[in-house]
Amino acid sequence: MGLVRKAGDWAFKVFSAGLGVATIFFAANFSVNVYRGLSWHNPQTRIEKEGSKVLEQQE
């Protein structure tokens, strides 16, 4: 029974470590995606503002 208990303990430790690694990975990935989204959004807003100025000048 001692061997089964050790195997169960190791399986739980490996599972818990996997959850920890996945959590860190997804948190980092989320942060990078938020940064990329904000970086993309700022130039888009600038393009929209400049586009409306160009339309006003043409009229």
Protein backbone atom coordinates (compact mmCIF):
# COMPACT_ATOMS: atom_id res chain seq x y z
CA MET A 1 0.00 0.00 0.00
CA GLY A 2 2.90 2.37 0.62
CA LEU A 3 3.92 2.22 -3.04
CA VAL A 4 0.40 3.07 -4.22
CA ARG A 5 0.24 6.00 -1.82
CA LYS A 6 3.59 7.33 -3.08
CA ALA A 7 2.43 6.98 -6.69
CA GLY A 8 -0.75 8.87 -5.84
CA ASP A 9 1.23 11.60 -4.10
CA TRP A 10 3.53 11.97 -7.10
CA ALA A 11 0.61 11.99 -9.51
CA PHE A 12 -1.04 14.77 -7.49
CA LYS A 13 2.20 16.76 -7.36
CA VAL A 14 2.69 16.45 -11.12
CA PHE A 15 -0.94 17.44 -11.73
CA SER A 16 -0.64 20.44 -9.41
CA ALA A 17 2.61 21.53 -11.03
CA GLY A 18 0.96 21.25 -14.45
CA LEU A 19 -1.90 23.47 -13.30
CA GLY A 20 0.61 26.00 -11.98
CA VAL A 21 2.55 26.06 -15.25
CA ALA A 22 -0.68 26.37 -17.25
CA THR A 23 -1.84 29.24 -15.03
CA ILE A 24 1.42 31.12 -15.50
CA PHE A 25 1.36 30.47 -19.26
CA PHE A 26 -2.21 31.70 -19.68
CA ALA A 27 -1.65 34.75 -17.48
CA ALA A 28 1.43 35.74 -19.49
CA ASN A 29 -0.32 35.03 -22.79
CA PHE A 30 -3.32 37.12 -21.72
CA SER A 31 -1.07 40.02 -20.76
CA VAL A 32 0.74 39.89 -24.11
CA ASN A 33 -2.56 39.78 -25.99
CA VAL A 34 -3.93 42.77 -24.08
CA TYR A 35 -0.75 44.71 -24.88
CA ARG A 36 -0.97 43.77 -28.56
CA GLY A 37 -4.63 44.68 -28.69
CA LEU A 38 -4.02 48.10 -27.16
CA SER A 39 -1.04 48.65 -29.44
CA TRP A 40 -3.21 47.83 -32.46
CA HIS A 41 -6.16 49.89 -31.28
CA ASN A 42 -4.22 53.16 -30.85
CA PRO A 43 -3.08 53.39 -34.51
CA GLN A 44 -6.57 52.42 -35.68
CA THR A 45 -8.08 55.29 -33.69
CA ARG A 46 -5.47 57.66 -35.12
CA ILE A 47 -6.27 56.49 -38.67
CA GLU A 48 -9.97 57.05 -38.07
CA LYS A 49 -9.34 60.58 -36.74
CA GLU A 50 -7.03 61.45 -39.64
CA GLY A 51 -9.52 59.97 -42.10
CA SER A 52 -12.31 62.18 -40.80
CA LYS A 53 -10.03 65.24 -41.08
CA VAL A 54 -9.24 64.36 -44.69
CA LEU A 55 -12.96 64.00 -45.44
CA GLU A 56 -13.67 67.39 -43.85
CA GLN A 57 -10.93 69.03 -45.92
CA GLN A 58 -12.28 67.54 -49.15
CA GLU A 59 -15.75 68.98 -48.59
